[in-house]
Amino acid sequence: MVSEPTVADATNRIYESLQADNADLDAHIAALKAALAREGLKQAVFDPARLAQNNRSGRKLMQAYFRQRGVTVKYSAS
């Protein structure tokens, strides 16, 4: 039986996916959404320094893309 990823695991996979030109991003978002539900969290927190596009438009685009898939994204203060 495969263990289900934690929010931290799913978040790290999303960082890796973003660095790999968004490979399997939708699958990682779905895993993150499930992990958030299991842990009773309402939003995912990302470190802007680890993003491929760490500018305002890149962050807003990421928030919009994730929101369309049912995940609220917030950014940690660097």
Protein backbone atom coordinates (compact mmCIF):
# COMPACT_ATOMS: atom_id res chain seq x y z
CA MET A 1 0.00 0.00 0.00
CA VAL A 2 1.32 3.41 -0.95
CA SER A 3 1.28 6.01 1.78
CA GLU A 4 -0.45 9.25 0.95
CA PRO A 5 1.80 12.32 0.82
CA THR A 6 1.73 14.96 3.52
CA VAL A 7 1.19 18.61 2.66
CA ALA A 8 4.96 19.16 2.91
CA ASP A 9 5.67 16.24 0.55
CA ALA A 10 3.08 17.45 -1.96
CA THR A 11 4.41 21.01 -1.76
CA ASN A 12 7.96 19.81 -2.43
CA ARG A 13 6.76 17.84 -5.45
CA ILE A 14 5.10 20.98 -6.79
CA TYR A 15 8.36 22.92 -6.40
CA GLU A 16 10.14 20.13 -8.33
CA SER A 17 7.44 20.15 -10.99
CA LEU A 18 7.68 23.92 -11.43
CA GLN A 19 11.45 23.62 -11.89
CA ALA A 20 10.89 20.81 -14.45
CA ASP A 21 8.72 22.97 -16.74
CA ASN A 22 5.47 22.05 -14.95
CA ALA A 23 5.80 18.28 -15.49
CA ASP A 24 2.79 16.45 -13.96
CA LEU A 25 1.72 19.66 -12.22
CA ASP A 26 -2.01 18.86 -12.25
CA ALA A 27 -1.41 15.48 -10.59
CA HIS A 28 0.71 17.15 -7.89
CA ILE A 29 -1.98 19.79 -7.31
CA ALA A 30 -4.58 17.01 -6.87
CA ALA A 31 -2.29 15.28 -4.34
CA LEU A 32 -1.81 18.58 -2.50
CA LYS A 33 -5.58 19.19 -2.42
CA ALA A 34 -6.15 15.72 -0.92
CA ALA A 35 -3.35 16.23 1.64
CA LEU A 36 -4.80 19.60 2.68
CA ALA A 37 -8.21 17.97 3.19
CA ARG A 38 -6.70 15.13 5.26
CA GLU A 39 -4.82 17.56 7.47
CA GLY A 40 -7.77 19.95 7.80
CA LEU A 41 -5.97 22.90 6.23
CA LYS A 42 -7.63 25.53 4.05
CA GLN A 43 -4.64 26.79 2.07
CA ALA A 44 -1.19 25.84 0.84
CA VAL A 45 1.78 28.04 1.74
CA PHE A 46 4.64 28.40 -0.72
CA ASP A 47 8.04 30.06 -0.38
CA PRO A 48 8.31 32.61 -3.20
CA ALA A 49 12.10 32.20 -3.28
CA ARG A 50 11.67 28.60 -4.50
CA LEU A 51 9.40 29.50 -7.42
CA ALA A 52 10.56 29.51 -11.02
CA GLN A 53 8.75 32.84 -11.62
CA ASN A 54 9.25 34.83 -8.43
CA ASN A 55 7.67 38.07 -9.55
CA ARG A 56 4.22 39.50 -8.96
CA SER A 57 2.74 38.28 -12.24
CA GLY A 58 4.23 34.80 -11.78
CA ARG A 59 2.82 34.51 -8.26
CA LYS A 60 -0.62 35.78 -9.33
CA LEU A 61 -0.66 33.35 -12.28
CA MET A 62 0.20 30.47 -9.95
CA GLN A 63 -2.54 31.50 -7.50
CA ALA A 64 -5.12 31.68 -10.30
CA TYR A 65 -4.09 28.30 -11.76
CA PHE A 66 -4.25 26.56 -8.38
CA ARG A 67 -7.53 28.29 -7.48
CA GLN A 68 -9.10 26.86 -10.65
CA ARG A 69 -8.13 23.44 -9.31
CA GLY A 70 -9.55 24.07 -5.84
CA VAL A 71 -6.39 24.99 -3.90
CA THR A 72 -5.89 28.38 -2.22
CA VAL A 73 -2.28 29.52 -2.40
CA LYS A 74 -0.57 31.89 0.03
CA TYR A 75 3.08 32.92 0.12
CA SER A 76 5.33 32.94 3.14
CA ALA A 77 7.21 36.12 4.01
CA SER A 78 10.77 35.74 2.82
